[in-house]
N, C-alpha and C. Protein backbone atom coordinates (compact mmCIF):
# COMPACT_ATOMS: atom_id res chain seq x y z
N UNK A 1 44.97 10.75 13.48
CA UNK A 1 44.45 9.94 14.60
C UNK A 1 43.50 10.78 15.46
N UNK A 2 43.93 12.05 15.74
CA UNK A 2 43.13 12.94 16.56
C UNK A 2 41.77 13.20 15.92
N UNK A 3 41.77 13.38 14.59
CA UNK A 3 40.51 13.62 13.86
C UNK A 3 39.57 12.44 13.98
N UNK A 4 40.12 11.22 13.92
CA UNK A 4 39.31 10.01 14.03
C UNK A 4 38.67 9.90 15.42
N UNK A 5 39.45 10.24 16.46
CA UNK A 5 38.94 10.19 17.83
C UNK A 5 37.83 11.22 18.00
N UNK A 6 38.03 12.42 17.46
CA UNK A 6 37.02 13.48 17.56
C UNK A 6 35.73 13.06 16.87
N UNK A 7 35.88 12.41 15.71
CA UNK A 7 34.69 11.97 14.99
C UNK A 7 33.95 10.89 15.76
N UNK A 8 34.69 9.98 16.41
CA UNK A 8 34.05 8.92 17.19
C UNK A 8 33.26 9.50 18.36
N UNK A 9 33.83 10.54 19.01
CA UNK A 9 33.14 11.19 20.12
C UNK A 9 31.87 11.86 19.62
N UNK A 10 31.98 12.54 18.48
CA UNK A 10 30.83 13.24 17.90
C UNK A 10 29.73 12.25 17.52
N UNK A 11 30.14 11.09 16.97
CA UNK A 11 29.16 10.08 16.56
C UNK A 11 28.38 9.56 17.77
N UNK A 12 29.05 9.44 18.93
CA UNK A 12 28.38 8.97 20.14
C UNK A 12 27.34 9.98 20.61
N UNK A 13 27.63 11.26 20.40
CA UNK A 13 26.73 12.32 20.86
C UNK A 13 25.63 12.64 19.85
N UNK A 14 25.82 12.25 18.61
CA UNK A 14 24.90 12.62 17.53
C UNK A 14 23.56 11.90 17.69
N UNK A 15 22.48 12.68 17.75
CA UNK A 15 21.13 12.14 17.85
C UNK A 15 20.20 12.96 16.94
N UNK A 16 19.37 12.26 16.20
CA UNK A 16 18.46 12.94 15.28
C UNK A 16 17.43 13.78 16.05
N UNK A 17 17.22 15.01 15.58
CA UNK A 17 16.20 15.90 16.12
C UNK A 17 15.47 16.54 14.94
N UNK A 18 14.18 16.28 14.84
CA UNK A 18 13.39 16.84 13.74
C UNK A 18 13.42 18.36 13.82
N UNK A 19 13.61 19.02 12.66
CA UNK A 19 13.69 20.48 12.61
C UNK A 19 12.35 21.11 12.18
N UNK A 20 11.32 20.26 12.02
CA UNK A 20 9.99 20.75 11.62
C UNK A 20 10.05 21.64 10.38
N UNK A 21 10.89 21.24 9.43
CA UNK A 21 11.04 22.04 8.21
C UNK A 21 10.00 21.69 7.15
N UNK A 22 9.34 20.55 7.31
CA UNK A 22 8.31 20.15 6.36
C UNK A 22 8.83 19.46 5.11
N UNK A 23 10.13 19.23 5.02
CA UNK A 23 10.69 18.57 3.83
C UNK A 23 10.08 17.19 3.62
N UNK A 24 9.86 16.47 4.72
CA UNK A 24 9.34 15.11 4.62
C UNK A 24 7.90 15.08 4.10
N UNK A 25 7.20 16.22 4.19
CA UNK A 25 5.79 16.29 3.79
C UNK A 25 5.60 16.96 2.44
N UNK A 26 6.69 17.40 1.81
CA UNK A 26 6.60 18.25 0.63
C UNK A 26 7.12 17.57 -0.63
N UNK A 27 6.60 18.03 -1.75
CA UNK A 27 7.03 17.51 -3.04
C UNK A 27 8.51 17.82 -3.28
N UNK A 28 9.19 16.94 -3.99
CA UNK A 28 10.59 17.15 -4.33
C UNK A 28 10.65 17.86 -5.68
N UNK A 29 11.33 19.02 -5.76
CA UNK A 29 11.41 19.72 -7.05
C UNK A 29 12.16 18.88 -8.07
N UNK A 30 11.63 18.81 -9.26
CA UNK A 30 12.28 18.09 -10.34
C UNK A 30 12.39 18.98 -11.56
N UNK A 31 12.81 18.41 -12.66
CA UNK A 31 12.89 19.15 -13.92
C UNK A 31 12.14 18.36 -14.98
N UNK A 32 11.93 18.98 -16.12
CA UNK A 32 11.28 18.28 -17.23
C UNK A 32 12.13 17.08 -17.65
N UNK A 33 13.45 17.30 -17.63
CA UNK A 33 14.38 16.24 -18.03
C UNK A 33 14.44 15.13 -16.98
N UNK A 34 14.43 15.52 -15.72
CA UNK A 34 14.55 14.57 -14.62
C UNK A 34 13.40 14.77 -13.63
N UNK A 35 12.19 14.35 -14.00
CA UNK A 35 11.06 14.48 -13.08
C UNK A 35 11.24 13.58 -11.87
N UNK A 36 10.74 14.01 -10.74
CA UNK A 36 10.84 13.20 -9.53
C UNK A 36 9.65 13.50 -8.63
N UNK A 37 9.48 12.74 -7.59
CA UNK A 37 8.39 12.99 -6.66
C UNK A 37 8.76 12.45 -5.29
N UNK A 38 8.18 13.07 -4.28
CA UNK A 38 8.34 12.58 -2.91
C UNK A 38 7.44 11.36 -2.73
N UNK A 39 8.01 10.30 -2.23
CA UNK A 39 7.25 9.07 -2.04
C UNK A 39 6.93 8.89 -0.57
N UNK A 40 5.65 9.06 -0.21
CA UNK A 40 5.20 8.79 1.16
C UNK A 40 4.23 7.60 1.07
N UNK A 41 4.75 6.38 1.25
CA UNK A 41 3.91 5.20 1.05
C UNK A 41 2.95 4.94 2.21
N UNK A 42 1.79 4.38 1.87
CA UNK A 42 0.77 4.01 2.85
C UNK A 42 0.36 2.57 2.61
N UNK A 43 0.27 1.79 3.68
CA UNK A 43 -0.34 0.47 3.55
C UNK A 43 -1.85 0.67 3.47
N UNK A 44 -2.58 -0.30 2.91
CA UNK A 44 -4.03 -0.13 2.74
C UNK A 44 -4.77 0.28 4.00
N UNK A 45 -4.41 -0.30 5.16
CA UNK A 45 -5.11 0.07 6.40
C UNK A 45 -4.80 1.51 6.80
N UNK A 46 -3.57 1.97 6.51
CA UNK A 46 -3.20 3.35 6.80
C UNK A 46 -3.96 4.31 5.88
N UNK A 47 -4.08 3.91 4.61
CA UNK A 47 -4.83 4.72 3.65
C UNK A 47 -6.29 4.85 4.08
N UNK A 48 -6.88 3.73 4.50
CA UNK A 48 -8.28 3.75 4.98
C UNK A 48 -8.45 4.74 6.12
N UNK A 49 -7.52 4.69 7.07
CA UNK A 49 -7.62 5.54 8.27
C UNK A 49 -7.52 7.02 7.90
N UNK A 50 -6.56 7.37 7.05
CA UNK A 50 -6.37 8.77 6.69
C UNK A 50 -7.50 9.30 5.81
N UNK A 51 -8.04 8.46 4.94
CA UNK A 51 -9.18 8.87 4.12
C UNK A 51 -10.38 9.17 5.00
N UNK A 52 -10.59 8.34 6.03
CA UNK A 52 -11.71 8.55 6.95
C UNK A 52 -11.53 9.84 7.74
N UNK A 53 -10.30 10.09 8.21
CA UNK A 53 -10.03 11.33 8.94
C UNK A 53 -10.23 12.54 8.03
N UNK A 54 -9.78 12.43 6.78
CA UNK A 54 -9.91 13.53 5.83
C UNK A 54 -11.37 13.87 5.58
N UNK A 55 -12.21 12.84 5.48
CA UNK A 55 -13.65 13.07 5.26
C UNK A 55 -14.27 13.82 6.44
N UNK A 56 -13.93 13.39 7.64
CA UNK A 56 -14.49 14.02 8.84
C UNK A 56 -13.98 15.45 9.03
N UNK A 57 -12.73 15.69 8.59
CA UNK A 57 -12.11 17.01 8.78
C UNK A 57 -12.25 17.92 7.57
N UNK A 58 -12.90 17.39 6.51
CA UNK A 58 -13.06 18.15 5.27
C UNK A 58 -11.70 18.56 4.68
N UNK A 59 -10.77 17.62 4.69
CA UNK A 59 -9.43 17.84 4.14
C UNK A 59 -9.34 17.18 2.76
N UNK A 60 -8.80 17.89 1.80
CA UNK A 60 -8.68 17.36 0.44
C UNK A 60 -7.45 16.47 0.35
N UNK A 61 -7.63 15.22 0.76
CA UNK A 61 -6.54 14.25 0.83
C UNK A 61 -6.68 13.24 -0.31
N UNK A 62 -5.61 13.07 -1.10
CA UNK A 62 -5.68 12.17 -2.25
C UNK A 62 -4.50 11.21 -2.25
N UNK A 63 -4.75 10.00 -2.75
CA UNK A 63 -3.68 9.01 -2.86
C UNK A 63 -3.68 8.41 -4.26
N UNK A 64 -2.58 7.76 -4.58
CA UNK A 64 -2.44 7.07 -5.86
C UNK A 64 -1.65 5.79 -5.59
N UNK A 65 -1.81 4.78 -6.45
CA UNK A 65 -1.10 3.53 -6.19
C UNK A 65 0.41 3.76 -6.25
N UNK A 66 1.13 3.02 -5.43
CA UNK A 66 2.58 3.19 -5.32
C UNK A 66 3.29 1.92 -5.78
N UNK A 67 3.44 0.95 -4.90
CA UNK A 67 4.06 -0.32 -5.28
C UNK A 67 2.97 -1.29 -5.73
N UNK A 68 3.02 -1.68 -7.00
CA UNK A 68 1.98 -2.55 -7.55
C UNK A 68 2.61 -3.68 -8.35
N UNK A 69 1.85 -4.77 -8.49
CA UNK A 69 2.27 -5.92 -9.28
C UNK A 69 1.12 -6.33 -10.21
N UNK A 70 1.34 -6.37 -11.52
CA UNK A 70 0.28 -6.86 -12.41
C UNK A 70 0.14 -8.38 -12.28
N UNK A 71 -1.08 -8.82 -12.00
CA UNK A 71 -1.38 -10.24 -11.85
C UNK A 71 -1.92 -10.75 -13.19
N UNK A 72 -1.07 -11.48 -13.91
CA UNK A 72 -1.43 -11.97 -15.25
C UNK A 72 -2.57 -12.98 -15.20
N UNK A 73 -2.61 -13.81 -14.18
CA UNK A 73 -3.61 -14.86 -14.09
C UNK A 73 -5.03 -14.30 -13.96
N UNK A 74 -5.20 -13.30 -13.11
CA UNK A 74 -6.54 -12.76 -12.83
C UNK A 74 -6.80 -11.41 -13.49
N UNK A 75 -5.77 -10.90 -14.18
CA UNK A 75 -5.84 -9.58 -14.81
C UNK A 75 -6.27 -8.51 -13.81
N UNK A 76 -5.50 -8.45 -12.73
CA UNK A 76 -5.72 -7.46 -11.67
C UNK A 76 -4.40 -6.74 -11.39
N UNK A 77 -4.50 -5.54 -10.87
CA UNK A 77 -3.33 -4.82 -10.36
C UNK A 77 -3.30 -5.01 -8.85
N UNK A 78 -2.27 -5.71 -8.36
CA UNK A 78 -2.15 -5.97 -6.93
C UNK A 78 -1.45 -4.77 -6.28
N UNK A 79 -2.14 -4.08 -5.42
CA UNK A 79 -1.60 -2.88 -4.77
C UNK A 79 -1.03 -3.24 -3.40
N UNK A 80 0.28 -3.08 -3.27
CA UNK A 80 0.95 -3.34 -1.99
C UNK A 80 0.90 -2.07 -1.13
N UNK A 81 1.24 -0.94 -1.74
CA UNK A 81 1.15 0.35 -1.03
C UNK A 81 0.58 1.41 -1.95
N UNK A 82 -0.07 2.40 -1.31
CA UNK A 82 -0.48 3.62 -1.98
C UNK A 82 0.54 4.70 -1.60
N UNK A 83 0.50 5.84 -2.26
CA UNK A 83 1.31 6.97 -1.81
C UNK A 83 0.46 8.23 -1.82
N UNK A 84 0.84 9.17 -0.95
CA UNK A 84 0.11 10.42 -0.82
C UNK A 84 0.39 11.31 -2.02
N UNK A 85 -0.66 11.84 -2.63
CA UNK A 85 -0.48 12.77 -3.74
C UNK A 85 -0.17 14.16 -3.18
N UNK A 86 0.84 14.78 -3.79
CA UNK A 86 1.28 16.10 -3.33
C UNK A 86 1.13 17.15 -4.43
N UNK A 87 0.26 16.86 -5.40
CA UNK A 87 0.10 17.77 -6.54
C UNK A 87 -1.00 18.80 -6.28
N UNK A 88 -1.03 19.33 -5.04
CA UNK A 88 -1.98 20.38 -4.71
C UNK A 88 -1.27 21.74 -4.82
N UNK A 89 -1.96 22.79 -4.45
CA UNK A 89 -1.39 24.14 -4.57
C UNK A 89 -0.13 24.32 -3.73
N UNK A 90 -0.11 23.72 -2.54
CA UNK A 90 1.04 23.87 -1.64
C UNK A 90 2.15 22.88 -1.90
N UNK A 91 1.87 21.89 -2.75
CA UNK A 91 2.84 20.83 -3.02
C UNK A 91 3.26 20.12 -1.74
N UNK A 92 2.28 19.91 -0.85
CA UNK A 92 2.54 19.27 0.43
C UNK A 92 1.42 18.30 0.77
N UNK A 93 1.68 17.42 1.72
CA UNK A 93 0.63 16.56 2.24
C UNK A 93 -0.49 17.43 2.79
N UNK A 94 -1.73 17.05 2.51
CA UNK A 94 -2.88 17.85 2.93
C UNK A 94 -2.98 17.96 4.45
N UNK A 95 -2.33 17.05 5.17
CA UNK A 95 -2.38 17.08 6.64
C UNK A 95 -1.25 17.90 7.25
N UNK A 96 -0.37 18.45 6.40
CA UNK A 96 0.74 19.25 6.91
C UNK A 96 0.25 20.65 7.25
N UNK A 97 0.56 21.11 8.45
CA UNK A 97 0.21 22.47 8.88
C UNK A 97 1.46 23.16 9.39
N UNK A 98 1.35 24.44 9.70
CA UNK A 98 2.51 25.26 10.07
C UNK A 98 3.27 24.66 11.25
N UNK A 99 2.55 24.16 12.24
CA UNK A 99 3.20 23.65 13.45
C UNK A 99 3.50 22.15 13.40
N UNK A 100 3.28 21.52 12.25
CA UNK A 100 3.58 20.10 12.16
C UNK A 100 2.51 19.32 11.42
N UNK A 101 2.14 18.19 11.98
CA UNK A 101 1.22 17.26 11.31
C UNK A 101 -0.12 17.19 12.05
N UNK A 102 -1.19 17.31 11.29
CA UNK A 102 -2.53 17.24 11.88
C UNK A 102 -2.86 15.85 12.40
N UNK A 103 -2.21 14.84 11.85
CA UNK A 103 -2.51 13.46 12.24
C UNK A 103 -1.29 12.81 12.90
N UNK A 104 -0.57 13.59 13.67
CA UNK A 104 0.69 13.14 14.27
C UNK A 104 0.53 11.82 15.04
N UNK A 105 -0.56 11.69 15.79
CA UNK A 105 -0.74 10.51 16.65
C UNK A 105 -1.07 9.24 15.87
N UNK A 106 -1.48 9.39 14.60
CA UNK A 106 -1.82 8.21 13.79
C UNK A 106 -1.05 8.24 12.47
N UNK A 107 0.12 8.83 12.48
CA UNK A 107 0.91 8.93 11.25
C UNK A 107 1.26 7.55 10.70
N UNK A 108 1.38 7.42 9.39
CA UNK A 108 1.81 6.16 8.78
C UNK A 108 3.22 5.79 9.21
N UNK A 109 3.57 4.52 9.06
CA UNK A 109 4.90 4.05 9.43
C UNK A 109 6.00 4.82 8.70
N UNK A 110 5.78 5.13 7.43
CA UNK A 110 6.79 5.83 6.65
C UNK A 110 7.10 7.19 7.26
N UNK A 111 6.08 7.86 7.77
CA UNK A 111 6.27 9.18 8.38
C UNK A 111 6.95 9.06 9.75
N UNK A 112 6.58 8.05 10.50
CA UNK A 112 7.18 7.85 11.83
C UNK A 112 8.66 7.48 11.72
N UNK A 113 9.01 6.79 10.64
CA UNK A 113 10.39 6.32 10.47
C UNK A 113 11.32 7.40 9.90
N UNK A 114 10.76 8.43 9.29
CA UNK A 114 11.55 9.45 8.61
C UNK A 114 12.56 10.11 9.56
N UNK A 115 13.82 10.37 9.09
CA UNK A 115 14.32 10.31 7.73
C UNK A 115 14.83 8.95 7.27
N UNK A 116 14.57 7.91 8.06
CA UNK A 116 14.88 6.56 7.57
C UNK A 116 13.78 6.14 6.61
N UNK A 117 14.16 5.47 5.57
CA UNK A 117 13.20 5.08 4.54
C UNK A 117 13.49 3.66 4.09
N UNK A 118 12.49 3.06 3.45
CA UNK A 118 12.65 1.72 2.89
C UNK A 118 12.99 1.86 1.42
N UNK A 119 14.16 1.43 1.05
CA UNK A 119 14.62 1.52 -0.34
C UNK A 119 14.44 0.18 -1.03
N UNK A 120 13.81 0.20 -2.19
CA UNK A 120 13.57 -1.03 -2.95
C UNK A 120 14.81 -1.39 -3.75
N UNK A 121 15.37 -2.57 -3.50
CA UNK A 121 16.56 -3.01 -4.21
C UNK A 121 16.21 -3.74 -5.51
N UNK A 122 15.14 -4.54 -5.45
CA UNK A 122 14.61 -5.19 -6.64
C UNK A 122 13.13 -5.47 -6.37
N UNK A 123 12.50 -6.29 -7.20
CA UNK A 123 11.05 -6.48 -7.10
C UNK A 123 10.59 -6.95 -5.73
N UNK A 124 11.41 -7.78 -5.05
CA UNK A 124 10.96 -8.38 -3.80
C UNK A 124 11.83 -8.05 -2.59
N UNK A 125 12.85 -7.22 -2.76
CA UNK A 125 13.78 -6.97 -1.66
C UNK A 125 13.94 -5.49 -1.35
N UNK A 126 14.06 -5.18 -0.04
CA UNK A 126 14.14 -3.81 0.42
C UNK A 126 15.22 -3.69 1.49
N UNK A 127 15.67 -2.45 1.74
CA UNK A 127 16.61 -2.20 2.83
C UNK A 127 16.32 -0.82 3.43
N UNK A 128 16.85 -0.58 4.62
CA UNK A 128 16.67 0.70 5.29
C UNK A 128 17.75 1.68 4.81
N UNK A 129 17.33 2.88 4.42
CA UNK A 129 18.27 3.90 3.98
C UNK A 129 17.93 5.23 4.66
N UNK A 130 18.77 6.25 4.46
CA UNK A 130 18.56 7.58 5.03
C UNK A 130 18.21 8.54 3.91
N UNK A 131 17.14 9.30 4.09
CA UNK A 131 16.74 10.27 3.06
C UNK A 131 17.72 11.44 3.06
N UNK A 132 18.46 11.65 1.95
CA UNK A 132 19.45 12.73 1.92
C UNK A 132 18.85 14.13 1.82
N UNK A 133 17.53 14.22 1.64
CA UNK A 133 16.89 15.53 1.49
C UNK A 133 16.46 16.14 2.82
N UNK A 134 16.45 15.35 3.88
CA UNK A 134 16.10 15.85 5.21
C UNK A 134 17.09 16.95 5.62
N UNK A 135 16.57 18.07 6.14
CA UNK A 135 17.43 19.20 6.50
C UNK A 135 18.45 18.82 7.57
N UNK A 136 18.04 18.04 8.58
CA UNK A 136 18.96 17.61 9.63
C UNK A 136 20.05 16.72 9.04
N UNK A 137 19.68 15.85 8.13
CA UNK A 137 20.65 14.96 7.49
C UNK A 137 21.66 15.77 6.68
N UNK A 138 21.18 16.77 5.96
CA UNK A 138 22.07 17.63 5.16
C UNK A 138 23.09 18.32 6.06
N UNK A 139 22.61 18.84 7.20
CA UNK A 139 23.50 19.55 8.13
C UNK A 139 24.55 18.62 8.75
N UNK A 140 24.22 17.35 8.86
CA UNK A 140 25.13 16.39 9.51
C UNK A 140 25.67 15.36 8.52
N UNK A 141 25.64 15.69 7.25
CA UNK A 141 25.97 14.71 6.21
C UNK A 141 27.37 14.11 6.38
N UNK A 142 28.36 14.96 6.68
CA UNK A 142 29.74 14.47 6.79
C UNK A 142 29.88 13.38 7.85
N UNK A 143 29.07 13.49 8.92
CA UNK A 143 29.14 12.50 9.99
C UNK A 143 28.28 11.27 9.73
N UNK A 144 27.36 11.39 8.77
CA UNK A 144 26.47 10.27 8.46
C UNK A 144 26.95 9.44 7.28
N UNK A 145 27.92 9.98 6.55
CA UNK A 145 28.40 9.30 5.35
C UNK A 145 29.04 7.96 5.72
N UNK A 146 28.52 6.90 5.09
CA UNK A 146 29.07 5.54 5.27
C UNK A 146 28.90 4.97 6.67
N UNK A 147 27.91 5.42 7.45
CA UNK A 147 27.69 4.82 8.77
C UNK A 147 27.06 3.44 8.60
N UNK A 148 27.28 2.59 9.58
CA UNK A 148 26.74 1.24 9.50
C UNK A 148 25.39 1.14 10.24
N UNK A 149 24.80 -0.03 10.21
CA UNK A 149 23.47 -0.22 10.79
C UNK A 149 23.44 0.05 12.28
N UNK A 150 24.48 -0.36 13.00
CA UNK A 150 24.52 -0.14 14.45
C UNK A 150 24.55 1.35 14.78
N UNK A 151 25.25 2.11 13.98
CA UNK A 151 25.29 3.57 14.19
C UNK A 151 23.93 4.20 13.85
N UNK A 152 23.27 3.68 12.82
CA UNK A 152 21.94 4.18 12.47
C UNK A 152 20.98 3.97 13.65
N UNK A 153 21.06 2.82 14.29
CA UNK A 153 20.19 2.51 15.43
C UNK A 153 20.40 3.51 16.58
N UNK A 154 21.66 3.93 16.79
CA UNK A 154 21.96 4.85 17.89
C UNK A 154 21.57 6.28 17.57
N UNK A 155 21.77 6.69 16.33
CA UNK A 155 21.48 8.07 15.93
C UNK A 155 19.98 8.30 15.74
N UNK A 156 19.29 7.27 15.26
CA UNK A 156 17.85 7.36 15.00
C UNK A 156 17.11 6.27 15.79
N UNK A 157 17.17 6.28 17.13
CA UNK A 157 16.62 5.17 17.91
C UNK A 157 15.13 4.93 17.73
N UNK A 158 14.31 5.97 17.82
CA UNK A 158 12.85 5.80 17.66
C UNK A 158 12.51 5.52 16.20
N UNK A 159 13.15 6.28 15.32
CA UNK A 159 12.85 6.13 13.90
C UNK A 159 13.23 4.75 13.39
N UNK A 160 14.31 4.20 13.94
CA UNK A 160 14.74 2.87 13.49
C UNK A 160 13.70 1.80 13.83
N UNK A 161 13.08 1.93 15.00
CA UNK A 161 12.04 0.96 15.40
C UNK A 161 10.92 0.93 14.37
N UNK A 162 10.47 2.13 13.94
CA UNK A 162 9.39 2.21 12.96
C UNK A 162 9.87 1.76 11.57
N UNK A 163 11.11 2.10 11.25
CA UNK A 163 11.66 1.68 9.96
C UNK A 163 11.75 0.15 9.88
N UNK A 164 12.16 -0.47 10.99
CA UNK A 164 12.24 -1.93 11.04
C UNK A 164 10.85 -2.55 10.91
N UNK A 165 9.87 -1.93 11.58
CA UNK A 165 8.49 -2.42 11.45
C UNK A 165 7.99 -2.27 10.01
N UNK A 166 8.35 -1.15 9.41
CA UNK A 166 8.02 -0.87 8.02
C UNK A 166 8.63 -1.94 7.11
N UNK A 167 9.91 -2.23 7.33
CA UNK A 167 10.63 -3.23 6.54
C UNK A 167 10.01 -4.61 6.72
N UNK A 168 9.69 -4.97 7.97
CA UNK A 168 9.09 -6.28 8.24
C UNK A 168 7.72 -6.42 7.58
N UNK A 169 6.97 -5.31 7.56
CA UNK A 169 5.66 -5.34 6.89
C UNK A 169 5.83 -5.63 5.40
N UNK A 170 6.82 -4.98 4.79
CA UNK A 170 7.10 -5.22 3.38
C UNK A 170 7.49 -6.67 3.14
N UNK A 171 8.32 -7.20 4.02
CA UNK A 171 8.76 -8.60 3.87
C UNK A 171 7.57 -9.56 3.99
N UNK A 172 6.66 -9.26 4.92
CA UNK A 172 5.48 -10.11 5.10
C UNK A 172 4.60 -10.10 3.85
N UNK A 173 4.47 -8.93 3.25
CA UNK A 173 3.66 -8.82 2.04
C UNK A 173 4.30 -9.59 0.89
N UNK A 174 5.63 -9.45 0.76
CA UNK A 174 6.33 -10.17 -0.31
C UNK A 174 6.20 -11.69 -0.12
N UNK A 175 6.26 -12.12 1.15
CA UNK A 175 6.08 -13.54 1.44
C UNK A 175 4.68 -13.99 1.06
N UNK A 176 3.70 -13.16 1.35
CA UNK A 176 2.32 -13.50 1.00
C UNK A 176 2.16 -13.62 -0.51
N UNK A 177 2.79 -12.72 -1.27
CA UNK A 177 2.72 -12.79 -2.73
C UNK A 177 3.35 -14.08 -3.24
N UNK A 178 4.48 -14.45 -2.67
CA UNK A 178 5.14 -15.70 -3.08
C UNK A 178 4.27 -16.91 -2.77
N UNK A 179 3.62 -16.87 -1.61
CA UNK A 179 2.75 -17.99 -1.23
C UNK A 179 1.55 -18.09 -2.15
N UNK A 180 0.98 -16.95 -2.54
CA UNK A 180 -0.15 -16.94 -3.48
C UNK A 180 0.28 -17.47 -4.85
N UNK A 181 1.51 -17.13 -5.25
CA UNK A 181 2.02 -17.64 -6.52
C UNK A 181 2.24 -19.15 -6.46
N UNK A 182 2.80 -19.60 -5.35
CA UNK A 182 3.07 -21.02 -5.18
C UNK A 182 1.77 -21.83 -5.20
N UNK A 183 0.71 -21.23 -4.67
CA UNK A 183 -0.60 -21.90 -4.65
C UNK A 183 -1.34 -21.72 -5.97
N UNK A 184 -0.67 -21.09 -6.94
CA UNK A 184 -1.24 -20.87 -8.27
C UNK A 184 -2.51 -20.00 -8.23
N UNK A 185 -2.57 -19.07 -7.27
CA UNK A 185 -3.72 -18.17 -7.17
C UNK A 185 -3.47 -16.87 -7.92
N UNK A 186 -2.18 -16.53 -8.10
CA UNK A 186 -1.81 -15.36 -8.88
C UNK A 186 -0.60 -15.70 -9.74
N UNK A 187 -0.32 -14.87 -10.72
CA UNK A 187 0.89 -15.02 -11.53
C UNK A 187 1.40 -13.62 -11.85
N UNK A 188 2.52 -13.28 -11.23
CA UNK A 188 3.09 -11.95 -11.39
C UNK A 188 4.09 -11.96 -12.55
N UNK A 189 3.99 -10.94 -13.39
CA UNK A 189 4.94 -10.80 -14.49
C UNK A 189 6.35 -10.61 -13.95
N UNK A 190 7.30 -11.36 -14.48
CA UNK A 190 8.70 -11.15 -14.12
C UNK A 190 9.35 -10.15 -15.09
N UNK A 191 8.85 -10.13 -16.32
CA UNK A 191 9.32 -9.16 -17.30
C UNK A 191 8.10 -8.60 -18.02
N UNK A 192 8.06 -7.28 -18.14
CA UNK A 192 6.92 -6.64 -18.78
C UNK A 192 7.37 -5.31 -19.37
N UNK A 193 6.92 -5.00 -20.56
CA UNK A 193 7.30 -3.74 -21.20
C UNK A 193 6.54 -2.58 -20.56
N UNK A 194 7.10 -1.40 -20.65
CA UNK A 194 6.44 -0.21 -20.12
C UNK A 194 5.09 0.03 -20.79
N UNK A 195 5.02 -0.28 -22.08
CA UNK A 195 3.77 -0.08 -22.83
C UNK A 195 2.66 -0.97 -22.26
N UNK A 196 2.97 -2.25 -22.08
CA UNK A 196 1.96 -3.17 -21.52
C UNK A 196 1.64 -2.84 -20.08
N UNK A 197 2.66 -2.48 -19.31
CA UNK A 197 2.44 -2.14 -17.91
C UNK A 197 1.47 -0.95 -17.79
N UNK A 198 1.70 0.08 -18.58
CA UNK A 198 0.82 1.25 -18.55
C UNK A 198 -0.59 0.90 -19.03
N UNK A 199 -0.67 -0.01 -20.00
CA UNK A 199 -1.98 -0.43 -20.50
C UNK A 199 -2.76 -1.16 -19.42
N UNK A 200 -2.08 -2.05 -18.70
CA UNK A 200 -2.76 -2.79 -17.64
C UNK A 200 -3.17 -1.86 -16.49
N UNK A 201 -2.33 -0.85 -16.19
CA UNK A 201 -2.68 0.11 -15.15
C UNK A 201 -3.99 0.84 -15.48
N UNK A 202 -4.22 1.07 -16.75
CA UNK A 202 -5.43 1.77 -17.18
C UNK A 202 -6.65 0.84 -17.21
N UNK A 203 -6.42 -0.44 -17.51
CA UNK A 203 -7.54 -1.35 -17.79
C UNK A 203 -7.93 -2.25 -16.62
N UNK A 204 -6.96 -2.65 -15.79
CA UNK A 204 -7.24 -3.69 -14.81
C UNK A 204 -7.69 -3.10 -13.47
N UNK A 205 -8.54 -3.85 -12.80
CA UNK A 205 -9.05 -3.48 -11.49
C UNK A 205 -7.97 -3.61 -10.43
N UNK A 206 -8.02 -2.75 -9.39
CA UNK A 206 -7.06 -2.80 -8.28
C UNK A 206 -7.55 -3.76 -7.20
N UNK A 207 -6.62 -4.54 -6.66
CA UNK A 207 -6.89 -5.41 -5.53
C UNK A 207 -5.78 -5.18 -4.51
N UNK A 208 -6.13 -4.81 -3.30
CA UNK A 208 -5.14 -4.53 -2.26
C UNK A 208 -4.61 -5.82 -1.63
N UNK A 209 -3.32 -5.83 -1.35
CA UNK A 209 -2.69 -6.93 -0.62
C UNK A 209 -2.51 -6.47 0.82
N UNK A 210 -3.22 -7.13 1.73
CA UNK A 210 -3.17 -6.76 3.15
C UNK A 210 -2.59 -7.89 3.98
N UNK A 211 -1.83 -7.51 5.01
CA UNK A 211 -1.30 -8.51 5.95
C UNK A 211 -1.58 -8.01 7.37
């Protein structure tokens, strides 16, 4: 009983504090058997903004498509989000510097929400989760295990606001895709083989979905 009371008191006092370790900006080490990558998603307007800043600052900033849907009707790749490429020499976002982020004031929603992230449950549904690789999360893992949404809001108050905005943006985009399908303007594959998917990625033009 005493342990439970102590944990409740600690949970009330627990508040996220960024440790400026750079984990959120860096590639995730993987293996040949289990390759992985850090996913820092950008909406098209965020990508536009960062590309423009990179050009003016002479920063080698690169992106690649992230969440995409092959449109069978128009033979296009519908891009919902891009992600930052981290395959440079430092294996980090090009805007990451020793003291933090060069674009802190205009960071993408995904960066503002970190260590909260949007986890894809299936093709059209997402939920808010906690990145287990964050150094602060690792240090406080025992107290964060199995916490509910209300506790997440209290521990990550600012980050939750951005994560919720991030989630709502995703929901709006998914709604737009459904509306386009209902109007017979697009037709998204519900089942597609990896071979065909990769072929379409190579052959079809990209079209961004903006809301």
